[in-house]
Amino acid sequence: MSNMIQSNGGPGGRDGGRDGGRDGGRDGARRSKFGRFGARRREVLPEEPLEYKNVAYLSKFVSANGRIQSRKRTGFSGQNQRKLAEAIKHARLIGLLPFVGRM
């Protein structure tokens, strides 16, 4: 009997084989990454059309070192953020916006 190794429930150690409660306490169900109780953010619509010709409006969304602001900063939906990025890139290629720095 002294040769036997005493086990505490399973391969995980003392917790009885559970994975440390990382699954939210439910059997096999995974916890959501997104909060249920947070205030929903309002979708911000562009004030002007997101076109490459509208340089003054597009330059508002370019940082001082030339980077396009994130969706979190602009508040745009994913679709409008993609339109914004495409318009800025198009304006840069044509030469209306600089690649680095502000106008």
Protein backbone atom coordinates (compact mmCIF):
# COMPACT_ATOMS: atom_id res chain seq x y z
CA MET A 1 0.00 0.00 0.00
CA SER A 2 2.90 2.33 0.64
CA ASN A 3 4.09 1.87 -2.97
CA MET A 4 0.89 3.38 -4.40
CA ILE A 5 0.83 7.05 -5.29
CA GLN A 6 -2.17 8.82 -3.91
CA SER A 7 -4.18 10.78 -6.48
CA ASN A 8 -6.34 13.81 -5.82
CA GLY A 9 -9.01 13.26 -8.41
CA GLY A 10 -7.53 13.33 -11.85
CA PRO A 11 -4.79 14.43 -14.18
CA GLY A 12 -5.31 18.09 -13.30
CA GLY A 13 -4.32 17.77 -9.65
CA ARG A 14 -6.41 18.89 -6.69
CA ASP A 15 -9.32 20.40 -8.59
CA GLY A 16 -10.97 17.08 -9.36
CA GLY A 17 -10.21 17.08 -13.07
CA ARG A 18 -11.81 20.42 -13.83
CA ASP A 19 -9.87 22.98 -15.83
CA GLY A 20 -9.70 25.59 -13.11
CA GLY A 21 -13.08 27.17 -13.81
CA ARG A 22 -12.00 28.78 -17.09
CA ASP A 23 -15.18 27.71 -18.87
CA GLY A 24 -17.50 29.81 -16.71
CA GLY A 25 -18.65 26.96 -14.50
CA ARG A 26 -20.91 25.32 -17.07
CA ASP A 27 -20.40 21.86 -18.51
CA GLY A 28 -18.54 22.36 -21.76
CA ALA A 29 -20.12 25.77 -22.54
CA ARG A 30 -17.72 28.57 -23.27
CA ARG A 31 -17.94 32.03 -21.79
CA SER A 32 -18.48 34.93 -24.17
CA LYS A 33 -15.64 37.40 -24.71
CA PHE A 34 -18.12 40.29 -24.96
CA GLY A 35 -19.82 41.83 -21.94
CA ARG A 36 -23.57 41.55 -21.62
CA PHE A 37 -24.12 44.67 -19.57
CA GLY A 38 -21.96 47.28 -21.27
CA ALA A 39 -23.59 50.27 -22.88
CA ARG A 40 -23.97 49.76 -26.61
CA ARG A 41 -21.90 52.14 -28.67
CA ARG A 42 -23.75 54.31 -31.14
CA GLU A 43 -22.68 53.94 -34.73
CA VAL A 44 -21.18 57.17 -36.02
CA LEU A 45 -22.03 58.01 -39.60
CA PRO A 46 -19.64 60.05 -41.75
CA GLU A 47 -20.58 63.73 -41.92
CA GLU A 48 -19.37 63.97 -45.51
CA PRO A 49 -18.94 61.36 -48.24
CA LEU A 50 -15.87 59.15 -47.90
CA GLU A 51 -14.31 59.93 -51.27
CA TYR A 52 -10.66 60.38 -52.14
CA LYS A 53 -11.39 63.89 -53.45
CA ASN A 54 -12.60 65.09 -50.04
CA VAL A 55 -9.09 65.71 -48.71
CA ALA A 56 -9.98 68.11 -45.90
CA TYR A 57 -12.39 65.61 -44.34
CA LEU A 58 -10.08 62.64 -44.83
CA SER A 59 -7.15 64.43 -43.21
CA LYS A 60 -9.11 64.55 -39.93
CA PHE A 61 -8.70 60.78 -39.67
CA VAL A 62 -4.95 60.71 -40.25
CA SER A 63 -2.67 61.08 -37.22
CA ALA A 64 0.25 63.50 -37.02
CA ASN A 65 2.68 60.82 -38.18
CA GLY A 66 0.46 59.70 -41.07
CA ARG A 67 -1.34 56.69 -39.62
CA ILE A 68 -5.04 56.06 -40.23
CA GLN A 69 -7.00 56.26 -36.98
CA SER A 70 -8.55 53.08 -35.65
CA ARG A 71 -12.21 52.22 -35.73
CA LYS A 72 -12.31 52.69 -31.99
CA ARG A 73 -11.18 56.32 -32.39
CA THR A 74 -13.36 57.19 -35.39
CA GLY A 75 -16.49 55.40 -34.16
CA PHE A 76 -17.34 54.23 -37.68
CA SER A 77 -18.84 50.86 -38.47
CA GLY A 78 -16.56 48.29 -40.04
CA GLN A 79 -17.94 49.01 -43.48
CA ASN A 80 -17.43 52.77 -43.20
CA GLN A 81 -13.96 52.28 -41.69
CA ARG A 82 -12.96 50.20 -44.72
CA LYS A 83 -14.33 52.89 -47.05
CA LEU A 84 -12.34 55.50 -45.12
CA ALA A 85 -9.13 53.49 -45.37
CA GLU A 86 -9.61 52.90 -49.10
CA ALA A 87 -10.31 56.60 -49.72
CA ILE A 88 -7.21 57.67 -47.75
CA LYS A 89 -5.03 55.15 -49.58
CA HIS A 90 -6.42 56.25 -52.94
CA ALA A 91 -5.80 59.92 -52.11
CA ARG A 92 -2.23 59.06 -51.08
CA LEU A 93 -1.52 57.24 -54.34
CA ILE A 94 -2.80 60.16 -56.41
CA GLY A 95 -0.78 62.61 -54.33
CA LEU A 96 -3.58 64.48 -52.59
CA LEU A 97 -2.58 63.26 -49.11
CA PRO A 98 0.96 62.71 -47.83
CA PHE A 99 2.06 59.23 -46.79
CA VAL A 100 3.85 60.60 -43.69
CA GLY A 101 2.89 63.61 -41.60
CA ARG A 102 0.06 66.12 -41.83
CA MET A 103 -0.72 68.54 -44.59
